[in-house]
Amino acid sequence: MATLAWRRSVGLAFLAGALILFVPDQARAADVPVPPENLLSDRGRGDISDADRDFVIKVRLAGLWEIPAGEMAQDKSNSARIKKIGRSIADQHEELDLLTRNAAKKLDIALPNEPNKDQQGWLAEMEESQGPEFDDVYIDRLRAAHGKIFPAIATIRASTRNDTVRKLAQQANQFVMTHMTLLESSGIVDYAGLPTAPPPGAATAQAQARVVPAAEESSTSGTNVPLILAALGGGLAAGVVATRQLVGNRRSAYRSRRTRYYAD
């Protein structure tokens, strides 16, 4: 009996090992990398564009309304999950706001001290709601806002020339992805109500249009167009003449060979 029990234990252990090997998605989670911030410099070096300044201001504005919104969730929501989401997002925005103010000070960017008109309207909606109604407003407004700033952060992260803005964009990206995940964990996000992505063709055309240098655009515009058309016309005429000559020569050679053939 002991030998039989031992054999069964070994068999179960072997089966468990096989499952780990042949069902990796369930047994072993993939290691998702987190970008190391210590590899980025933060010395305020590099040109700052208007888009960079607008980005820093928008990150500040996000905290100015999402922090009080998270505070309201503690009083107006009846859901322990919504309260926890609101608490986490508010606390994390306080950390992100500190990073933003430090970056703005280094780059001499003036920051607002109150939410903009749209954000004040969203806070007013939350003030007027309670319970499940508050939950819907809170989740919908924050998820939509994070969805709008998410691609904007990616654009700045990929294009900025300034190292401080680059690092802030990377940090903000991590916060926004975390917040979107927290909001979606509520289970009440109205995905059908979110904006859809532009068609691939339209997005590609817009990207290609942005890549064309201004000098290249100017070289094919204005008074240069007639010169280009004239050159194309001249090339076409020369090609026609050359083709006719080639065809004529071939016909003459063919007739000569044919005459000699019949003469023989």
C-alpha atoms as a PDB file:
ATOM      1  CA  MET A   1       0.000   0.000   0.000  1.00  0.00           C
ATOM      2  CA  ALA A   2       2.832   2.372   0.865  1.00  0.00           C
ATOM      3  CA  THR A   3       4.496   1.623  -2.461  1.00  0.00           C
ATOM      4  CA  LEU A   4       1.228   2.317  -4.305  1.00  0.00           C
ATOM      5  CA  ALA A   5       0.759   5.641  -2.487  1.00  0.00           C
ATOM      6  CA  TRP A   6       4.339   6.617  -3.284  1.00  0.00           C
ATOM      7  CA  ARG A   7       3.807   5.829  -6.952  1.00  0.00           C
ATOM      8  CA  ARG A   8       0.648   7.952  -7.015  1.00  0.00           C
ATOM      9  CA  SER A   9       2.489  10.900  -5.427  1.00  0.00           C
ATOM     10  CA  VAL A  10       5.271  10.653  -7.995  1.00  0.00           C
ATOM     11  CA  GLY A  11       2.718  10.474 -10.783  1.00  0.00           C
ATOM     12  CA  LEU A  12       0.888  13.578  -9.559  1.00  0.00           C
ATOM     13  CA  ALA A  13       4.169  15.471  -9.239  1.00  0.00           C
ATOM     14  CA  PHE A  14       5.125  14.474 -12.794  1.00  0.00           C
ATOM     15  CA  LEU A  15       1.714  15.575 -14.090  1.00  0.00           C
ATOM     16  CA  ALA A  16       2.042  18.957 -12.373  1.00  0.00           C
ATOM     17  CA  GLY A  17       5.455  19.466 -13.929  1.00  0.00           C
ATOM     18  CA  ALA A  18       4.100  18.585 -17.346  1.00  0.00           C
ATOM     19  CA  LEU A  19       1.306  21.115 -16.972  1.00  0.00           C
ATOM     20  CA  ILE A  20       3.826  23.820 -16.134  1.00  0.00           C
ATOM     21  CA  LEU A  21       5.854  22.970 -19.240  1.00  0.00           C
ATOM     22  CA  PHE A  22       3.017  22.559 -21.709  1.00  0.00           C
ATOM     23  CA  VAL A  23       0.568  25.203 -20.404  1.00  0.00           C
ATOM     24  CA  PRO A  24       2.857  28.210 -19.814  1.00  0.00           C
ATOM     25  CA  ASP A  25       0.115  30.830 -20.103  1.00  0.00           C
ATOM     26  CA  GLN A  26      -1.645  29.461 -17.042  1.00  0.00           C
ATOM     27  CA  ALA A  27       1.294  28.257 -14.997  1.00  0.00           C
ATOM     28  CA  ARG A  28       3.898  30.971 -15.629  1.00  0.00           C
ATOM     29  CA  ALA A  29       3.134  34.682 -15.943  1.00  0.00           C
ATOM     30  CA  ALA A  30       5.110  36.716 -18.483  1.00  0.00           C
ATOM     31  CA  ASP A  31       7.600  39.220 -17.119  1.00  0.00           C
ATOM     32  CA  VAL A  32       6.385  42.637 -18.302  1.00  0.00           C
ATOM     33  CA  PRO A  33       9.304  45.100 -18.265  1.00  0.00           C
ATOM     34  CA  VAL A  34       9.074  48.413 -16.445  1.00  0.00           C
ATOM     35  CA  PRO A  35      11.231  51.175 -17.989  1.00  0.00           C
ATOM     36  CA  PRO A  36      14.038  52.157 -15.555  1.00  0.00           C
ATOM     37  CA  GLU A  37      13.895  55.876 -14.832  1.00  0.00           C
ATOM     38  CA  ASN A  38      17.491  56.048 -13.601  1.00  0.00           C
ATOM     39  CA  LEU A  39      18.726  55.709 -17.191  1.00  0.00           C
ATOM     40  CA  LEU A  40      17.219  59.076 -18.163  1.00  0.00           C
ATOM     41  CA  SER A  41      18.920  62.400 -17.476  1.00  0.00           C
ATOM     42  CA  ASP A  42      17.009  65.292 -15.879  1.00  0.00           C
ATOM     43  CA  ARG A  43      19.135  68.416 -16.242  1.00  0.00           C
ATOM     44  CA  GLY A  44      16.747  70.684 -18.112  1.00  0.00           C
ATOM     45  CA  ARG A  45      18.838  70.399 -21.260  1.00  0.00           C
ATOM     46  CA  GLY A  46      17.460  70.580 -24.773  1.00  0.00           C
ATOM     47  CA  ASP A  47      15.098  72.861 -26.645  1.00  0.00           C
ATOM     48  CA  ILE A  48      11.569  73.174 -25.281  1.00  0.00           C
ATOM     49  CA  SER A  49       8.701  73.354 -27.766  1.00  0.00           C
ATOM     50  CA  ASP A  50       5.236  74.817 -27.262  1.00  0.00           C
ATOM     51  CA  ALA A  51       3.952  71.239 -27.195  1.00  0.00           C
ATOM     52  CA  ASP A  52       6.337  70.447 -24.326  1.00  0.00           C
ATOM     53  CA  ARG A  53       5.077  73.392 -22.284  1.00  0.00           C
ATOM     54  CA  ASP A  54       1.453  72.485 -23.015  1.00  0.00           C
ATOM     55  CA  PHE A  55       2.124  68.919 -21.887  1.00  0.00           C
ATOM     56  CA  VAL A  56       3.572  70.000 -18.510  1.00  0.00           C
ATOM     57  CA  ILE A  57       0.581  72.297 -17.959  1.00  0.00           C
ATOM     58  CA  LYS A  58      -1.897  69.523 -18.824  1.00  0.00           C
ATOM     59  CA  VAL A  59      -0.295  67.118 -16.356  1.00  0.00           C
ATOM     60  CA  ARG A  60      -0.683  69.782 -13.670  1.00  0.00           C
ATOM     61  CA  LEU A  61      -4.323  70.363 -14.651  1.00  0.00           C
ATOM     62  CA  ALA A  62      -5.055  66.633 -14.415  1.00  0.00           C
ATOM     63  CA  GLY A  63      -4.048  66.602 -10.768  1.00  0.00           C
ATOM     64  CA  LEU A  64      -6.013  69.761  -9.962  1.00  0.00           C
ATOM     65  CA  TRP A  65      -9.322  68.030 -10.631  1.00  0.00           C
ATOM     66  CA  GLU A  66      -8.578  64.327 -10.139  1.00  0.00           C
ATOM     67  CA  ILE A  67      -7.332  64.828  -6.581  1.00  0.00           C
ATOM     68  CA  PRO A  68     -10.585  66.483  -5.376  1.00  0.00           C
ATOM     69  CA  ALA A  69     -12.580  63.954  -7.410  1.00  0.00           C
ATOM     70  CA  GLY A  70     -10.886  61.125  -5.521  1.00  0.00           C
ATOM     71  CA  GLU A  71     -11.647  62.890  -2.247  1.00  0.00           C
ATOM     72  CA  MET A  72     -15.322  63.151  -3.193  1.00  0.00           C
ATOM     73  CA  ALA A  73     -15.403  59.422  -3.882  1.00  0.00           C
ATOM     74  CA  GLN A  74     -14.758  58.808  -0.166  1.00  0.00           C
ATOM     75  CA  ASP A  75     -17.984  60.607   0.789  1.00  0.00           C
ATOM     76  CA  LYS A  76     -20.307  60.143  -2.168  1.00  0.00           C
ATOM     77  CA  SER A  77     -19.747  56.541  -3.235  1.00  0.00           C
ATOM     78  CA  ASN A  78     -21.309  53.560  -1.493  1.00  0.00           C
ATOM     79  CA  SER A  79     -18.861  51.153  -3.154  1.00  0.00           C
ATOM     80  CA  ALA A  80     -15.738  50.084  -1.280  1.00  0.00           C
ATOM     81  CA  ARG A  81     -14.066  49.420  -4.638  1.00  0.00           C
ATOM     82  CA  ILE A  82     -14.787  52.944  -5.971  1.00  0.00           C
ATOM     83  CA  LYS A  83     -13.565  54.460  -2.714  1.00  0.00           C
ATOM     84  CA  LYS A  84     -10.291  52.532  -3.004  1.00  0.00           C
ATOM     85  CA  ILE A  85      -9.854  53.529  -6.660  1.00  0.00           C
ATOM     86  CA  GLY A  86     -10.488  57.173  -5.810  1.00  0.00           C
ATOM     87  CA  ARG A  87      -8.057  57.076  -2.887  1.00  0.00           C
ATOM     88  CA  SER A  88      -5.307  55.464  -4.959  1.00  0.00           C
ATOM     89  CA  ILE A  89      -5.650  57.852  -7.914  1.00  0.00           C
ATOM     90  CA  ALA A  90      -5.776  60.933  -5.663  1.00  0.00           C
ATOM     91  CA  ASP A  91      -2.661  59.871  -3.731  1.00  0.00           C
ATOM     92  CA  GLN A  92      -0.749  59.034  -6.890  1.00  0.00           C
ATOM     93  CA  HIS A  93      -1.686  62.352  -8.464  1.00  0.00           C
ATOM     94  CA  GLU A  94      -0.193  64.137  -5.496  1.00  0.00           C
ATOM     95  CA  GLU A  95       3.104  62.379  -6.249  1.00  0.00           C
ATOM     96  CA  LEU A  96       2.841  63.169  -9.966  1.00  0.00           C
ATOM     97  CA  ASP A  97       1.963  66.787  -9.191  1.00  0.00           C
ATOM     98  CA  LEU A  98       5.164  67.129  -7.171  1.00  0.00           C
ATOM     99  CA  LEU A  99       7.192  65.785 -10.093  1.00  0.00           C
ATOM    100  CA  THR A 100       5.403  68.184 -12.431  1.00  0.00           C
ATOM    101  CA  ARG A 101       6.003  71.245 -10.252  1.00  0.00           C
ATOM    102  CA  ASN A 102       9.687  70.376  -9.920  1.00  0.00           C
ATOM    103  CA  ALA A 103      10.005  70.036 -13.702  1.00  0.00           C
ATOM    104  CA  ALA A 104       8.138  73.291 -14.317  1.00  0.00           C
ATOM    105  CA  LYS A 105      10.391  75.132 -11.879  1.00  0.00           C
ATOM    106  CA  LYS A 106      13.494  73.810 -13.605  1.00  0.00           C
ATOM    107  CA  LEU A 107      12.152  74.802 -17.035  1.00  0.00           C
ATOM    108  CA  ASP A 108      10.583  78.114 -15.928  1.00  0.00           C
ATOM    109  CA  ILE A 109       7.056  77.090 -16.974  1.00  0.00           C
ATOM    110  CA  ALA A 110       4.144  78.891 -15.292  1.00  0.00           C
ATOM    111  CA  LEU A 111       1.528  76.451 -13.986  1.00  0.00           C
ATOM    112  CA  PRO A 112      -2.200  76.989 -13.294  1.00  0.00           C
ATOM    113  CA  ASN A 113      -3.562  76.711  -9.766  1.00  0.00           C
ATOM    114  CA  GLU A 114      -7.145  75.699 -10.531  1.00  0.00           C
ATOM    115  CA  PRO A 115      -8.881  73.298 -12.942  1.00  0.00           C
ATOM    116  CA  ASN A 116      -9.986  74.542 -16.348  1.00  0.00           C
ATOM    117  CA  LYS A 117     -13.621  75.169 -17.249  1.00  0.00           C
ATOM    118  CA  ASP A 118     -14.334  71.643 -18.483  1.00  0.00           C
ATOM    119  CA  GLN A 119     -12.770  70.061 -15.408  1.00  0.00           C
ATOM    120  CA  GLN A 120     -14.752  72.328 -13.106  1.00  0.00           C
ATOM    121  CA  GLY A 121     -17.903  71.175 -14.908  1.00  0.00           C
ATOM    122  CA  TRP A 122     -17.015  67.525 -14.293  1.00  0.00           C
ATOM    123  CA  LEU A 123     -16.437  68.214 -10.607  1.00  0.00           C
ATOM    124  CA  ALA A 124     -19.821  69.990 -10.458  1.00  0.00           C
ATOM    125  CA  GLU A 125     -21.475  66.853 -11.908  1.00  0.00           C
ATOM    126  CA  MET A 126     -19.896  64.769  -9.157  1.00  0.00           C
ATOM    127  CA  GLU A 127     -20.998  67.234  -6.493  1.00  0.00           C
ATOM    128  CA  GLU A 128     -24.601  66.873  -7.632  1.00  0.00           C
ATOM    129  CA  SER A 129     -24.569  63.053  -7.668  1.00  0.00           C
ATOM    130  CA  GLN A 130     -24.584  60.356  -5.001  1.00  0.00           C
ATOM    131  CA  GLY A 131     -24.151  56.607  -4.726  1.00  0.00           C
ATOM    132  CA  PRO A 132     -24.244  54.612  -7.990  1.00  0.00           C
ATOM    133  CA  GLU A 133     -24.874  57.781  -9.994  1.00  0.00           C
ATOM    134  CA  PHE A 134     -21.660  59.283  -8.618  1.00  0.00           C
ATOM    135  CA  ASP A 135     -19.790  56.083  -9.448  1.00  0.00           C
ATOM    136  CA  ASP A 136     -20.889  56.288 -13.089  1.00  0.00           C
ATOM    137  CA  VAL A 137     -19.936  59.948 -13.432  1.00  0.00           C
ATOM    138  CA  TYR A 138     -16.614  59.508 -11.654  1.00  0.00           C
ATOM    139  CA  ILE A 139     -15.499  56.463 -13.656  1.00  0.00           C
ATOM    140  CA  ASP A 140     -16.728  57.755 -17.024  1.00  0.00           C
ATOM    141  CA  ARG A 141     -15.175  61.233 -16.689  1.00  0.00           C
ATOM    142  CA  LEU A 142     -11.805  60.013 -15.441  1.00  0.00           C
ATOM    143  CA  ARG A 143     -11.523  57.131 -17.923  1.00  0.00           C
ATOM    144  CA  ALA A 144     -12.340  59.435 -20.856  1.00  0.00           C
ATOM    145  CA  ALA A 145      -9.817  62.037 -19.653  1.00  0.00           C
ATOM    146  CA  HIS A 146      -7.050  59.461 -19.270  1.00  0.00           C
ATOM    147  CA  GLY A 147      -7.811  58.082 -22.724  1.00  0.00           C
ATOM    148  CA  LYS A 148      -7.290  61.545 -24.240  1.00  0.00           C
ATOM    149  CA  ILE A 149      -3.999  62.351 -22.528  1.00  0.00           C
ATOM    150  CA  PHE A 150      -2.535  58.855 -23.030  1.00  0.00           C
ATOM    151  CA  PRO A 151      -1.606  59.288 -26.743  1.00  0.00           C
ATOM    152  CA  ALA A 152      -0.490  62.884 -26.079  1.00  0.00           C
ATOM    153  CA  ILE A 153       2.050  61.615 -23.550  1.00  0.00           C
ATOM    154  CA  ALA A 154       3.382  59.093 -26.068  1.00  0.00           C
ATOM    155  CA  THR A 155       3.863  61.833 -28.659  1.00  0.00           C
ATOM    156  CA  ILE A 156       5.843  64.023 -26.249  1.00  0.00           C
ATOM    157  CA  ARG A 157       7.892  61.077 -24.973  1.00  0.00           C
ATOM    158  CA  ALA A 158       8.891  60.189 -28.523  1.00  0.00           C
ATOM    159  CA  SER A 159       9.528  63.693 -29.872  1.00  0.00           C
ATOM    160  CA  THR A 160      10.722  66.076 -27.145  1.00  0.00           C
ATOM    161  CA  ARG A 161      14.264  67.441 -27.305  1.00  0.00           C
ATOM    162  CA  ASN A 162      14.347  68.295 -23.603  1.00  0.00           C
ATOM    163  CA  ASP A 163      15.573  65.675 -21.125  1.00  0.00           C
ATOM    164  CA  THR A 164      13.440  66.906 -18.203  1.00  0.00           C
ATOM    165  CA  VAL A 165      10.247  66.823 -20.283  1.00  0.00           C
ATOM    166  CA  ARG A 166      11.243  63.394 -21.575  1.00  0.00           C
ATOM    167  CA  LYS A 167      11.584  61.993 -18.078  1.00  0.00           C
ATOM    168  CA  LEU A 168       8.329  63.592 -16.894  1.00  0.00           C
ATOM    169  CA  ALA A 169       6.526  62.123 -19.913  1.00  0.00           C
ATOM    170  CA  GLN A 170       7.827  58.660 -19.072  1.00  0.00           C
ATOM    171  CA  GLN A 171       6.771  59.027 -15.432  1.00  0.00           C
ATOM    172  CA  ALA A 172       3.348  60.396 -16.395  1.00  0.00           C
ATOM    173  CA  ASN A 173       2.871  57.491 -18.784  1.00  0.00           C
ATOM    174  CA  GLN A 174       3.313  55.013 -15.933  1.00  0.00           C
ATOM    175  CA  PHE A 175       0.801  56.879 -13.756  1.00  0.00           C
ATOM    176  CA  VAL A 176      -1.792  57.124 -16.535  1.00  0.00           C
ATOM    177  CA  MET A 177      -1.583  53.423 -17.433  1.00  0.00           C
ATOM    178  CA  THR A 178      -2.007  52.558 -13.751  1.00  0.00           C
ATOM    179  CA  HIS A 179      -5.016  54.859 -13.406  1.00  0.00           C
ATOM    180  CA  MET A 180      -6.693  53.494 -16.526  1.00  0.00           C
ATOM    181  CA  THR A 181      -6.281  49.984 -15.165  1.00  0.00           C
ATOM    182  CA  LEU A 182      -7.702  50.967 -11.777  1.00  0.00           C
ATOM    183  CA  LEU A 183     -10.701  52.683 -13.370  1.00  0.00           C
ATOM    184  CA  GLU A 184     -11.382  49.688 -15.623  1.00  0.00           C
ATOM    185  CA  SER A 185     -11.230  47.355 -12.617  1.00  0.00           C
ATOM    186  CA  SER A 186     -14.485  48.961 -11.432  1.00  0.00           C
ATOM    187  CA  GLY A 187     -16.332  46.972 -14.085  1.00  0.00           C
ATOM    188  CA  ILE A 188     -18.573  49.907 -15.035  1.00  0.00           C
ATOM    189  CA  VAL A 189     -16.548  51.598 -17.789  1.00  0.00           C
ATOM    190  CA  ASP A 190     -18.749  52.392 -20.793  1.00  0.00           C
ATOM    191  CA  TYR A 191     -16.331  51.265 -23.505  1.00  0.00           C
ATOM    192  CA  ALA A 192     -18.928  51.819 -26.224  1.00  0.00           C
ATOM    193  CA  GLY A 193     -19.052  55.492 -25.260  1.00  0.00           C
ATOM    194  CA  LEU A 194     -15.298  56.028 -25.634  1.00  0.00           C
ATOM    195  CA  PRO A 195     -13.910  57.720 -28.786  1.00  0.00           C
ATOM    196  CA  THR A 196     -12.803  55.324 -31.510  1.00  0.00           C
ATOM    197  CA  ALA A 197      -9.360  55.378 -33.116  1.00  0.00           C
ATOM    198  CA  PRO A 198      -9.030  57.034 -36.561  1.00  0.00           C
ATOM    199  CA  PRO A 199      -8.964  54.724 -39.599  1.00  0.00           C
ATOM    200  CA  PRO A 200      -5.458  53.363 -40.330  1.00  0.00           C
ATOM    201  CA  GLY A 201      -5.364  55.056 -43.737  1.00  0.00           C
ATOM    202  CA  ALA A 202      -6.137  58.469 -42.285  1.00  0.00           C
ATOM    203  CA  ALA A 203      -3.576  58.086 -39.510  1.00  0.00           C
ATOM    204  CA  THR A 204      -0.884  57.016 -42.003  1.00  0.00           C
ATOM    205  CA  ALA A 205      -1.646  59.936 -44.309  1.00  0.00           C
ATOM    206  CA  GLN A 206      -1.437  62.393 -41.421  1.00  0.00           C
ATOM    207  CA  ALA A 207       1.892  60.947 -40.284  1.00  0.00           C
ATOM    208  CA  GLN A 208       3.336  61.137 -43.798  1.00  0.00           C
ATOM    209  CA  ALA A 209       2.151  64.710 -44.187  1.00  0.00           C
ATOM    210  CA  ARG A 210       3.953  65.697 -40.986  1.00  0.00           C
ATOM    211  CA  VAL A 211       7.187  64.068 -42.187  1.00  0.00           C
ATOM    212  CA  VAL A 212       7.419  66.107 -45.428  1.00  0.00           C
ATOM    213  CA  PRO A 213       9.925  68.947 -44.796  1.00  0.00           C
ATOM    214  CA  ALA A 214       8.807  72.512 -45.432  1.00  0.00           C
ATOM    215  CA  ALA A 215      11.708  73.047 -47.862  1.00  0.00           C
ATOM    216  CA  GLU A 216      10.554  70.063 -49.919  1.00  0.00           C
ATOM    217  CA  GLU A 217       7.013  71.413 -50.032  1.00  0.00           C
ATOM    218  CA  SER A 218       8.192  74.829 -51.193  1.00  0.00           C
ATOM    219  CA  SER A 219      10.402  73.321 -53.905  1.00  0.00           C
ATOM    220  CA  THR A 220       7.361  71.801 -55.643  1.00  0.00           C
ATOM    221  CA  SER A 221       5.089  74.814 -55.279  1.00  0.00           C
ATOM    222  CA  GLY A 222       4.674  78.267 -56.782  1.00  0.00           C
ATOM    223  CA  THR A 223       6.863  79.229 -59.780  1.00  0.00           C
ATOM    224  CA  ASN A 224       8.728  75.878 -59.762  1.00  0.00           C
ATOM    225  CA  VAL A 225       5.689  73.958 -61.042  1.00  0.00           C
ATOM    226  CA  PRO A 226       5.896  75.249 -64.663  1.00  0.00           C
ATOM    227  CA  LEU A 227       9.609  74.413 -64.780  1.00  0.00           C
ATOM    228  CA  ILE A 228       8.910  70.877 -63.586  1.00  0.00           C
ATOM    229  CA  LEU A 229       6.135  70.430 -66.166  1.00  0.00           C
ATOM    230  CA  ALA A 230       8.392  71.773 -68.932  1.00  0.00           C
ATOM    231  CA  ALA A 231      11.144  69.364 -67.979  1.00  0.00           C
ATOM    232  CA  LEU A 232       8.722  66.445 -67.967  1.00  0.00           C
ATOM    233  CA  GLY A 233       7.359  67.482 -71.349  1.00  0.00           C
ATOM    234  CA  GLY A 234      10.849  67.770 -72.835  1.00  0.00           C
ATOM    235  CA  GLY A 235      11.818  64.360 -71.533  1.00  0.00           C
ATOM    236  CA  LEU A 236       8.651  62.828 -72.948  1.00  0.00           C
ATOM    237  CA  ALA A 237       9.251  64.359 -76.407  1.00  0.00           C
ATOM    238  CA  ALA A 238      12.850  63.142 -76.475  1.00  0.00           C
ATOM    239  CA  GLY A 239      11.677  59.669 -75.532  1.00  0.00           C
ATOM    240  CA  VAL A 240       9.123  59.604 -78.385  1.00  0.00           C
ATOM    241  CA  VAL A 241      11.739  60.675 -80.984  1.00  0.00           C
ATOM    242  CA  ALA A 242      14.235  58.094 -79.753  1.00  0.00           C
ATOM    243  CA  THR A 243      11.598  55.368 -79.887  1.00  0.00           C
ATOM    244  CA  ARG A 244      10.618  56.252 -83.461  1.00  0.00           C
ATOM    245  CA  GLN A 245      14.238  56.188 -84.583  1.00  0.00           C
ATOM    246  CA  LEU A 246      14.780  52.806 -82.939  1.00  0.00           C
ATOM    247  CA  VAL A 247      11.672  51.338 -84.570  1.00  0.00           C
ATOM    248  CA  GLY A 248      12.677  52.781 -87.961  1.00  0.00           C
ATOM    249  CA  ASN A 249      16.159  51.300 -87.765  1.00  0.00           C
ATOM    250  CA  ARG A 250      14.780  47.896 -86.851  1.00  0.00           C
ATOM    251  CA  ARG A 251      12.352  47.969 -89.798  1.00  0.00           C
ATOM    252  CA  SER A 252      15.143  48.922 -92.246  1.00  0.00           C
ATOM    253  CA  ALA A 253      17.321  46.087 -90.990  1.00  0.00           C
ATOM    254  CA  TYR A 254      14.417  43.643 -91.293  1.00  0.00           C
ATOM    255  CA  ARG A 255      13.687  44.704 -94.903  1.00  0.00           C
ATOM    256  CA  SER A 256      17.372  44.382 -95.823  1.00  0.00           C
ATOM    257  CA  ARG A 257      17.560  40.837 -94.417  1.00  0.00           C
ATOM    258  CA  ARG A 258      14.304  39.916 -96.158  1.00  0.00           C
ATOM    259  CA  THR A 259      15.582  41.207 -99.556  1.00  0.00           C
ATOM    260  CA  ARG A 260      18.814  39.219 -99.264  1.00  0.00           C
ATOM    261  CA  TYR A 261      16.844  36.084 -98.283  1.00  0.00           C
ATOM    262  CA  TYR A 262      14.622  36.153-101.338  1.00  0.00           C
ATOM    263  CA  ALA A 263      17.515  37.131-103.588  1.00  0.00           C
ATOM    264  CA  ASP A 264      19.393  34.037-102.478  1.00  0.00           C
END
